[in-house]
N, C-alpha and C. Protein backbone atom coordinates (compact mmCIF):
# COMPACT_ATOMS: atom_id res chain seq x y z
N MET A 1 0.82 -1.20 0.00
CA MET A 1 0.00 0.00 0.00
C MET A 1 0.86 1.25 0.00
N SER A 2 2.10 1.14 0.46
CA SER A 2 2.95 2.32 0.53
C SER A 2 3.37 2.81 -0.84
N GLY A 3 3.24 1.98 -1.88
CA GLY A 3 3.62 2.38 -3.22
C GLY A 3 2.51 3.09 -3.97
N SER A 4 1.37 3.34 -3.32
CA SER A 4 0.25 3.95 -4.02
C SER A 4 0.31 5.47 -4.08
N ILE A 5 1.27 6.07 -3.45
CA ILE A 5 1.41 7.53 -3.48
C ILE A 5 2.85 7.88 -3.85
N ARG A 6 2.99 8.89 -4.69
CA ARG A 6 4.33 9.29 -5.13
C ARG A 6 5.17 9.74 -3.94
N PRO A 7 6.47 9.47 -3.95
CA PRO A 7 7.33 9.86 -2.82
C PRO A 7 7.33 11.37 -2.57
N GLU A 8 7.25 12.19 -3.63
CA GLU A 8 7.24 13.64 -3.45
C GLU A 8 5.97 14.09 -2.75
N ALA A 9 4.83 13.49 -3.13
CA ALA A 9 3.56 13.85 -2.49
C ALA A 9 3.55 13.39 -1.04
N ARG A 10 4.09 12.22 -0.79
CA ARG A 10 4.18 11.70 0.59
C ARG A 10 5.03 12.62 1.45
N ALA A 11 6.18 13.05 0.91
CA ALA A 11 7.06 13.95 1.66
C ALA A 11 6.36 15.27 1.95
N PHE A 12 5.61 15.80 0.97
CA PHE A 12 4.87 17.05 1.17
C PHE A 12 3.82 16.89 2.27
N LEU A 13 3.05 15.81 2.19
CA LEU A 13 2.00 15.58 3.19
C LEU A 13 2.59 15.40 4.59
N LEU A 14 3.71 14.70 4.69
CA LEU A 14 4.33 14.51 6.00
C LEU A 14 4.91 15.81 6.55
N ARG A 15 5.48 16.62 5.68
CA ARG A 15 6.08 17.88 6.14
C ARG A 15 5.02 18.84 6.67
N TRP A 16 3.91 18.92 5.99
CA TRP A 16 2.88 19.90 6.33
C TRP A 16 1.66 19.27 7.00
N ARG A 17 1.81 18.10 7.62
CA ARG A 17 0.67 17.36 8.15
C ARG A 17 -0.14 18.13 9.19
N GLU A 18 0.51 18.81 10.12
CA GLU A 18 -0.24 19.55 11.14
C GLU A 18 -1.02 20.70 10.52
N ALA A 19 -0.41 21.40 9.56
CA ALA A 19 -1.10 22.52 8.90
C ALA A 19 -2.31 22.02 8.12
N LEU A 20 -2.18 20.90 7.45
CA LEU A 20 -3.30 20.35 6.69
C LEU A 20 -4.42 19.87 7.61
N ILE A 21 -4.07 19.25 8.72
CA ILE A 21 -5.08 18.82 9.69
C ILE A 21 -5.78 20.05 10.29
N GLY A 22 -5.01 21.10 10.58
CA GLY A 22 -5.59 22.33 11.10
C GLY A 22 -6.54 22.98 10.11
N ALA A 23 -6.16 22.99 8.83
CA ALA A 23 -7.04 23.56 7.81
C ALA A 23 -8.33 22.75 7.70
N GLY A 24 -8.22 21.43 7.76
CA GLY A 24 -9.42 20.59 7.71
C GLY A 24 -10.31 20.80 8.93
N THR A 25 -9.70 20.93 10.10
CA THR A 25 -10.46 21.16 11.32
C THR A 25 -11.16 22.52 11.26
N GLY A 26 -10.45 23.53 10.77
CA GLY A 26 -11.06 24.85 10.63
C GLY A 26 -12.22 24.84 9.65
N ALA A 27 -12.06 24.14 8.53
CA ALA A 27 -13.14 24.04 7.55
C ALA A 27 -14.34 23.31 8.14
N LEU A 28 -14.09 22.26 8.92
CA LEU A 28 -15.18 21.53 9.57
C LEU A 28 -15.91 22.45 10.56
N GLY A 29 -15.17 23.25 11.30
CA GLY A 29 -15.79 24.18 12.23
C GLY A 29 -16.65 25.21 11.52
N LEU A 30 -16.17 25.71 10.40
CA LEU A 30 -16.97 26.67 9.63
C LEU A 30 -18.22 26.01 9.05
N LEU A 31 -18.11 24.76 8.64
CA LEU A 31 -19.27 24.02 8.14
C LEU A 31 -20.30 23.83 9.24
N ILE A 32 -19.85 23.47 10.44
CA ILE A 32 -20.77 23.33 11.57
C ILE A 32 -21.44 24.66 11.87
N TYR A 33 -20.67 25.74 11.83
CA TYR A 33 -21.23 27.08 12.09
C TYR A 33 -22.28 27.44 11.04
N ALA A 34 -21.97 27.18 9.77
CA ALA A 34 -22.89 27.55 8.69
C ALA A 34 -24.18 26.73 8.74
N ALA A 35 -24.09 25.48 9.16
CA ALA A 35 -25.27 24.61 9.18
C ALA A 35 -26.02 24.65 10.51
N ALA A 36 -25.54 25.40 11.46
CA ALA A 36 -26.13 25.40 12.80
C ALA A 36 -27.49 26.07 12.80
N LEU A 37 -28.40 25.49 13.58
CA LEU A 37 -29.73 26.07 13.73
C LEU A 37 -29.86 26.85 15.04
N GLY A 38 -28.96 26.62 15.95
CA GLY A 38 -29.03 27.30 17.24
C GLY A 38 -27.69 27.94 17.59
N TRP A 39 -27.72 28.82 18.58
CA TRP A 39 -26.50 29.54 18.94
C TRP A 39 -25.48 28.65 19.63
N VAL A 40 -25.91 27.59 20.30
CA VAL A 40 -24.97 26.70 20.98
C VAL A 40 -24.12 25.95 19.95
N VAL A 41 -24.78 25.39 18.95
CA VAL A 41 -24.05 24.66 17.91
C VAL A 41 -23.20 25.62 17.09
N ALA A 42 -23.71 26.81 16.83
CA ALA A 42 -22.93 27.81 16.08
C ALA A 42 -21.69 28.20 16.87
N GLY A 43 -21.84 28.39 18.17
CA GLY A 43 -20.68 28.71 19.01
C GLY A 43 -19.66 27.58 19.02
N PHE A 44 -20.15 26.34 19.07
CA PHE A 44 -19.25 25.19 19.01
C PHE A 44 -18.51 25.17 17.67
N GLY A 45 -19.22 25.47 16.59
CA GLY A 45 -18.58 25.51 15.27
C GLY A 45 -17.49 26.56 15.21
N LEU A 46 -17.74 27.73 15.78
CA LEU A 46 -16.71 28.78 15.81
C LEU A 46 -15.52 28.36 16.66
N LEU A 47 -15.79 27.70 17.77
CA LEU A 47 -14.72 27.21 18.63
C LEU A 47 -13.84 26.20 17.89
N VAL A 48 -14.46 25.29 17.16
CA VAL A 48 -13.71 24.31 16.38
C VAL A 48 -12.91 25.01 15.28
N ALA A 49 -13.50 26.02 14.64
CA ALA A 49 -12.79 26.76 13.58
C ALA A 49 -11.57 27.49 14.13
N VAL A 50 -11.70 28.10 15.30
CA VAL A 50 -10.57 28.81 15.91
C VAL A 50 -9.48 27.82 16.32
N ALA A 51 -9.87 26.67 16.86
CA ALA A 51 -8.89 25.64 17.21
C ALA A 51 -8.16 25.16 15.96
N GLY A 52 -8.88 24.99 14.87
CA GLY A 52 -8.26 24.58 13.61
C GLY A 52 -7.29 25.63 13.09
N LEU A 53 -7.65 26.89 13.24
CA LEU A 53 -6.76 27.98 12.82
C LEU A 53 -5.48 27.97 13.64
N GLY A 54 -5.60 27.77 14.95
CA GLY A 54 -4.41 27.69 15.80
C GLY A 54 -3.52 26.52 15.44
N LEU A 55 -4.13 25.36 15.19
CA LEU A 55 -3.36 24.19 14.79
C LEU A 55 -2.69 24.41 13.44
N MET A 56 -3.38 25.09 12.54
CA MET A 56 -2.80 25.37 11.24
C MET A 56 -1.59 26.31 11.38
N ALA A 57 -1.69 27.33 12.22
CA ALA A 57 -0.56 28.24 12.43
C ALA A 57 0.64 27.51 13.01
N LEU A 58 0.41 26.65 13.99
CA LEU A 58 1.50 25.85 14.55
C LEU A 58 2.07 24.90 13.51
N GLY A 59 1.19 24.32 12.69
CA GLY A 59 1.64 23.40 11.65
C GLY A 59 2.50 24.07 10.60
N VAL A 60 2.19 25.32 10.28
CA VAL A 60 3.02 26.06 9.31
C VAL A 60 4.41 26.28 9.90
N GLN A 61 4.49 26.62 11.18
CA GLN A 61 5.81 26.78 11.81
C GLN A 61 6.59 25.47 11.79
N ARG A 62 5.94 24.38 12.14
CA ARG A 62 6.62 23.08 12.13
C ARG A 62 7.05 22.69 10.72
N GLY A 63 6.21 22.96 9.74
CA GLY A 63 6.57 22.64 8.36
C GLY A 63 7.77 23.43 7.89
N ARG A 64 7.86 24.69 8.30
CA ARG A 64 9.02 25.50 7.94
C ARG A 64 10.28 25.00 8.63
N PHE A 65 10.14 24.39 9.81
CA PHE A 65 11.29 23.89 10.56
C PHE A 65 11.86 22.62 9.95
N ARG A 66 11.00 21.77 9.45
CA ARG A 66 11.45 20.47 8.93
C ARG A 66 12.32 20.66 7.70
N SER A 67 13.47 19.99 7.70
CA SER A 67 14.41 20.09 6.58
C SER A 67 14.70 18.73 5.95
N GLY A 68 13.96 17.73 6.30
CA GLY A 68 14.21 16.39 5.79
C GLY A 68 14.84 15.54 6.87
N GLU A 69 14.91 14.25 6.61
CA GLU A 69 15.48 13.32 7.59
C GLU A 69 16.47 12.38 6.94
N ASP A 70 17.19 12.87 5.95
CA ASP A 70 18.14 12.01 5.25
C ASP A 70 19.58 12.31 5.64
N GLY A 71 19.77 13.11 6.68
CA GLY A 71 21.12 13.48 7.11
C GLY A 71 21.72 12.46 8.06
N PRO A 72 22.97 12.68 8.44
CA PRO A 72 23.64 11.72 9.32
C PRO A 72 23.17 11.83 10.77
N GLY A 73 23.05 10.69 11.41
CA GLY A 73 22.78 10.66 12.83
C GLY A 73 21.32 10.55 13.20
N ILE A 74 21.11 10.34 14.50
CA ILE A 74 19.77 10.19 15.07
C ILE A 74 19.66 11.11 16.28
N VAL A 75 18.56 11.86 16.34
CA VAL A 75 18.29 12.76 17.46
C VAL A 75 17.09 12.23 18.24
N THR A 76 17.20 12.22 19.55
CA THR A 76 16.06 11.90 20.40
C THR A 76 15.97 12.94 21.51
N VAL A 77 14.76 13.30 21.85
CA VAL A 77 14.51 14.21 22.97
C VAL A 77 13.56 13.49 23.91
N THR A 78 14.04 13.19 25.12
CA THR A 78 13.25 12.44 26.08
C THR A 78 13.37 13.09 27.45
N GLU A 79 12.24 13.52 27.99
CA GLU A 79 12.17 14.07 29.34
C GLU A 79 13.22 15.13 29.61
N GLY A 80 13.30 16.10 28.72
CA GLY A 80 14.23 17.21 28.92
C GLY A 80 15.67 16.90 28.62
N ARG A 81 15.94 15.78 28.02
CA ARG A 81 17.31 15.40 27.67
C ARG A 81 17.40 15.22 26.16
N LEU A 82 18.38 15.90 25.58
CA LEU A 82 18.62 15.86 24.14
C LEU A 82 19.80 14.93 23.89
N MET A 83 19.60 13.97 22.98
CA MET A 83 20.66 13.01 22.66
C MET A 83 20.86 12.99 21.15
N TYR A 84 22.12 13.03 20.75
CA TYR A 84 22.47 12.91 19.33
C TYR A 84 23.51 11.83 19.17
N PHE A 85 23.23 10.91 18.28
CA PHE A 85 24.16 9.83 17.96
C PHE A 85 24.47 9.92 16.48
N GLY A 86 25.68 10.34 16.15
CA GLY A 86 26.07 10.51 14.76
C GLY A 86 27.23 9.63 14.38
N PRO A 87 27.57 9.63 13.09
CA PRO A 87 28.67 8.78 12.63
C PRO A 87 30.04 9.27 13.09
N LEU A 88 30.18 10.57 13.33
CA LEU A 88 31.48 11.11 13.73
C LEU A 88 31.48 11.70 15.13
N SER A 89 30.33 12.11 15.60
CA SER A 89 30.24 12.73 16.92
C SER A 89 28.89 12.41 17.53
N GLY A 90 28.71 12.86 18.73
CA GLY A 90 27.45 12.64 19.42
C GLY A 90 27.55 13.20 20.82
N GLY A 91 26.50 13.09 21.55
CA GLY A 91 26.51 13.58 22.91
C GLY A 91 25.13 13.69 23.49
N VAL A 92 25.11 14.08 24.75
CA VAL A 92 23.88 14.21 25.51
C VAL A 92 23.92 15.56 26.21
N ALA A 93 22.79 16.25 26.23
CA ALA A 93 22.69 17.53 26.94
C ALA A 93 21.30 17.65 27.56
N ASP A 94 21.27 18.04 28.82
CA ASP A 94 19.99 18.36 29.45
C ASP A 94 19.57 19.74 28.98
N LEU A 95 18.29 19.90 28.67
CA LEU A 95 17.82 21.19 28.17
C LEU A 95 17.99 22.29 29.21
N ASP A 96 17.97 21.94 30.49
CA ASP A 96 18.19 22.94 31.54
C ASP A 96 19.63 23.44 31.54
N ASP A 97 20.56 22.68 30.98
CA ASP A 97 21.97 23.06 30.93
C ASP A 97 22.36 23.78 29.65
N VAL A 98 21.46 23.86 28.68
CA VAL A 98 21.79 24.52 27.42
C VAL A 98 21.97 26.00 27.67
N THR A 99 23.09 26.55 27.18
CA THR A 99 23.38 27.97 27.37
C THR A 99 23.28 28.77 26.08
N GLU A 100 23.47 28.11 24.94
CA GLU A 100 23.40 28.84 23.66
C GLU A 100 22.98 27.89 22.55
N LEU A 101 22.21 28.45 21.62
CA LEU A 101 21.81 27.73 20.43
C LEU A 101 22.18 28.58 19.23
N ALA A 102 22.92 27.99 18.30
CA ALA A 102 23.32 28.69 17.09
C ALA A 102 23.11 27.78 15.90
N LEU A 103 23.01 28.38 14.73
CA LEU A 103 22.91 27.65 13.47
C LEU A 103 24.21 27.86 12.72
N ASP A 104 24.94 26.77 12.49
CA ASP A 104 26.21 26.82 11.77
C ASP A 104 25.94 26.45 10.31
N ARG A 105 26.04 27.45 9.43
CA ARG A 105 25.71 27.23 8.02
C ARG A 105 26.93 26.92 7.18
N ASP A 106 28.06 26.65 7.81
CA ASP A 106 29.27 26.31 7.05
C ASP A 106 29.34 24.83 6.69
N GLY A 107 28.59 23.99 7.36
CA GLY A 107 28.64 22.56 7.10
C GLY A 107 27.67 22.15 6.01
N GLN A 108 27.80 20.93 5.57
CA GLN A 108 26.87 20.36 4.60
C GLN A 108 26.27 19.11 5.21
N PRO A 109 25.07 19.11 5.66
CA PRO A 109 24.10 20.20 5.70
C PRO A 109 24.39 21.16 6.87
N ASP A 110 23.54 22.18 7.00
CA ASP A 110 23.66 23.08 8.15
C ASP A 110 23.56 22.28 9.44
N HIS A 111 24.17 22.82 10.51
CA HIS A 111 24.19 22.14 11.80
C HIS A 111 23.67 23.05 12.90
N TRP A 112 22.95 22.46 13.85
CA TRP A 112 22.64 23.15 15.09
C TRP A 112 23.85 23.02 15.98
N LEU A 113 24.28 24.13 16.55
CA LEU A 113 25.39 24.14 17.50
C LEU A 113 24.78 24.42 18.87
N ILE A 114 24.76 23.41 19.71
CA ILE A 114 24.11 23.50 21.01
C ILE A 114 25.18 23.47 22.09
N THR A 115 25.38 24.61 22.75
CA THR A 115 26.37 24.72 23.81
C THR A 115 25.66 24.48 25.14
N HIS A 116 26.28 23.68 26.00
CA HIS A 116 25.68 23.37 27.29
C HIS A 116 26.77 23.28 28.35
N ARG A 117 26.35 23.34 29.61
CA ARG A 117 27.29 23.39 30.73
C ARG A 117 27.96 22.06 31.04
N SER A 118 27.40 20.97 30.59
CA SER A 118 27.87 19.66 31.03
C SER A 118 28.78 18.94 30.03
N GLY A 119 29.30 19.65 29.03
CA GLY A 119 30.20 18.98 28.09
C GLY A 119 30.47 19.83 26.86
N PRO A 120 31.16 19.24 25.88
CA PRO A 120 31.45 19.99 24.67
C PRO A 120 30.18 20.24 23.86
N PRO A 121 30.19 21.26 23.01
CA PRO A 121 29.00 21.58 22.22
C PRO A 121 28.59 20.41 21.32
N LEU A 122 27.28 20.30 21.13
CA LEU A 122 26.75 19.30 20.20
C LEU A 122 26.60 19.93 18.83
N HIS A 123 26.99 19.20 17.80
CA HIS A 123 26.83 19.63 16.42
C HIS A 123 25.84 18.67 15.78
N ILE A 124 24.60 19.13 15.58
CA ILE A 124 23.54 18.26 15.09
C ILE A 124 23.10 18.74 13.71
N PRO A 125 23.21 17.90 12.68
CA PRO A 125 22.72 18.29 11.35
C PRO A 125 21.22 18.56 11.39
N VAL A 126 20.78 19.60 10.68
CA VAL A 126 19.35 19.92 10.66
C VAL A 126 18.55 18.82 9.98
N THR A 127 19.21 17.97 9.20
CA THR A 127 18.52 16.90 8.50
C THR A 127 18.68 15.54 9.18
N ALA A 128 19.19 15.50 10.40
CA ALA A 128 19.35 14.23 11.11
C ALA A 128 17.99 13.60 11.37
N SER A 129 17.96 12.30 11.43
CA SER A 129 16.73 11.59 11.72
C SER A 129 16.23 11.97 13.11
N GLY A 130 14.98 12.38 13.20
CA GLY A 130 14.41 12.79 14.48
C GLY A 130 14.64 14.24 14.83
N ALA A 131 15.26 15.02 13.93
CA ALA A 131 15.56 16.42 14.23
C ALA A 131 14.31 17.28 14.36
N ASP A 132 13.17 16.82 13.84
CA ASP A 132 11.95 17.61 14.01
C ASP A 132 11.51 17.65 15.47
N GLY A 133 12.00 16.74 16.31
CA GLY A 133 11.73 16.79 17.74
C GLY A 133 12.41 17.95 18.44
N LEU A 134 13.42 18.53 17.77
CA LEU A 134 14.11 19.69 18.35
C LEU A 134 13.21 20.92 18.40
N PHE A 135 12.20 20.99 17.54
CA PHE A 135 11.30 22.14 17.51
C PHE A 135 10.69 22.37 18.89
N ASP A 136 10.12 21.32 19.46
CA ASP A 136 9.50 21.45 20.79
C ASP A 136 10.55 21.68 21.87
N ALA A 137 11.71 21.04 21.73
CA ALA A 137 12.79 21.23 22.72
C ALA A 137 13.26 22.68 22.72
N PHE A 138 13.47 23.25 21.54
CA PHE A 138 13.92 24.64 21.45
C PHE A 138 12.84 25.59 21.95
N ALA A 139 11.58 25.31 21.62
CA ALA A 139 10.49 26.18 22.04
C ALA A 139 10.36 26.25 23.55
N GLY A 140 10.84 25.23 24.26
CA GLY A 140 10.77 25.22 25.71
C GLY A 140 11.87 26.01 26.40
N LEU A 141 12.84 26.51 25.64
CA LEU A 141 13.91 27.31 26.24
C LEU A 141 13.36 28.67 26.64
N PRO A 142 13.74 29.20 27.81
CA PRO A 142 13.17 30.47 28.28
C PRO A 142 13.52 31.64 27.35
N GLY A 143 12.48 32.37 26.92
CA GLY A 143 12.68 33.53 26.06
C GLY A 143 12.98 33.20 24.61
N PHE A 144 12.75 31.96 24.20
CA PHE A 144 13.08 31.54 22.84
C PHE A 144 12.09 32.14 21.84
N ASP A 145 12.61 32.65 20.71
CA ASP A 145 11.80 33.25 19.65
C ASP A 145 11.78 32.30 18.45
N THR A 146 10.67 31.59 18.29
CA THR A 146 10.56 30.59 17.22
C THR A 146 10.66 31.23 15.85
N GLU A 147 10.01 32.36 15.65
CA GLU A 147 10.05 33.01 14.33
C GLU A 147 11.45 33.45 13.96
N ALA A 148 12.24 33.92 14.94
CA ALA A 148 13.63 34.31 14.65
C ALA A 148 14.42 33.09 14.19
N MET A 149 14.18 31.94 14.81
CA MET A 149 14.86 30.72 14.40
C MET A 149 14.47 30.34 12.97
N LEU A 150 13.19 30.41 12.65
CA LEU A 150 12.73 30.03 11.31
C LEU A 150 13.27 30.99 10.25
N ARG A 151 13.36 32.28 10.58
CA ARG A 151 13.95 33.24 9.63
C ARG A 151 15.42 32.94 9.40
N ALA A 152 16.15 32.61 10.47
CA ALA A 152 17.58 32.30 10.34
C ALA A 152 17.79 31.05 9.50
N MET A 153 16.90 30.08 9.62
CA MET A 153 17.04 28.85 8.85
C MET A 153 16.87 29.10 7.36
N ARG A 154 16.05 30.05 6.99
CA ARG A 154 15.76 30.30 5.57
C ARG A 154 16.60 31.44 4.98
N ALA A 155 17.34 32.16 5.81
CA ALA A 155 18.14 33.28 5.32
C ALA A 155 19.37 32.77 4.57
N PRO A 156 19.74 33.45 3.49
CA PRO A 156 20.95 33.04 2.77
C PRO A 156 22.20 33.44 3.55
N GLY A 157 23.30 32.82 3.22
CA GLY A 157 24.57 33.20 3.84
C GLY A 157 25.29 32.01 4.43
N THR A 158 26.45 32.32 5.00
CA THR A 158 27.27 31.30 5.64
C THR A 158 27.64 31.77 7.03
N GLY A 159 28.38 30.95 7.74
CA GLY A 159 28.82 31.33 9.08
C GLY A 159 27.84 30.88 10.14
N ARG A 160 28.14 31.28 11.36
CA ARG A 160 27.32 30.90 12.50
C ARG A 160 26.38 32.04 12.87
N VAL A 161 25.12 31.69 13.09
CA VAL A 161 24.11 32.66 13.48
C VAL A 161 23.59 32.27 14.86
N GLN A 162 23.74 33.17 15.82
CA GLN A 162 23.23 32.90 17.16
C GLN A 162 21.71 33.03 17.13
N ILE A 163 21.03 31.99 17.61
CA ILE A 163 19.58 31.97 17.63
C ILE A 163 19.06 32.36 19.02
N TRP A 164 19.71 31.83 20.05
CA TRP A 164 19.25 32.04 21.42
C TRP A 164 20.43 31.90 22.37
N MET A 165 20.39 32.67 23.46
CA MET A 165 21.40 32.52 24.50
C MET A 165 20.72 32.73 25.85
N ARG A 166 21.05 31.87 26.79
CA ARG A 166 20.51 32.00 28.15
C ARG A 166 20.97 33.33 28.74
N ALA A 167 20.11 33.96 29.49
CA ALA A 167 20.39 35.30 30.02
C ALA A 167 21.65 35.33 30.89
N ASP A 168 21.93 34.27 31.63
CA ASP A 168 23.09 34.28 32.53
C ASP A 168 24.32 33.58 31.94
N ALA A 169 24.37 33.40 30.64
CA ALA A 169 25.48 32.67 30.00
C ALA A 169 26.45 33.62 29.33
N ALA A 170 27.70 33.22 29.28
CA ALA A 170 28.72 33.98 28.55
C ALA A 170 28.65 33.60 27.07
N PRO A 171 28.92 34.54 26.17
CA PRO A 171 28.85 34.22 24.74
C PRO A 171 29.91 33.20 24.33
N LEU A 172 29.58 32.42 23.31
CA LEU A 172 30.49 31.41 22.77
C LEU A 172 31.64 32.09 22.05
N ARG A 173 32.85 31.59 22.27
CA ARG A 173 34.02 32.15 21.59
C ARG A 173 34.03 31.72 20.13
N PRO A 174 34.54 32.56 19.23
CA PRO A 174 34.60 32.17 17.82
C PRO A 174 35.54 30.99 17.61
N ARG A 175 35.27 30.22 16.57
CA ARG A 175 36.12 29.08 16.25
C ARG A 175 37.43 29.55 15.65
N LEU A 176 38.48 28.75 15.81
CA LEU A 176 39.78 29.07 15.24
C LEU A 176 39.92 28.56 13.82
N HIS A 177 39.16 27.58 13.44
CA HIS A 177 39.26 27.01 12.09
C HIS A 177 37.92 26.92 11.44
């Protein structure tokens, strides 16, 4: 059954799944509102439509974050702990210990550079398997700006772009090479 849909269409549907579900939920809410005979059902329809709109907005952000899953390594986020297992490097960082998040656009593919207090920085490819779980992990950082991260991911250029830094952390020193 998996061969019944083109791979490009499948990738599109998977990337934008939350936005599509939100659009469908919003349309269902508007349909309930339009067909309602009483104010209670009409109010319920509007509530469903607003919930669908919120889900669609979140889904668009998630879709913009996803960069594919064909890169090196595996990322898991479990109970506030971020783990990356790659072919050349890897590591573990508690989200409470993260001091800085940057996007390093010099690598192929781009890499998340996650600095934390308990060890050397993690270099995680944006296309690593399971990297879409980082969206929720990053969103939980205090004062994190999701839209700034999404703009940095789509902006042209090279070099390292600081996305977020903990208020009480010292800035990361530039690399020598």
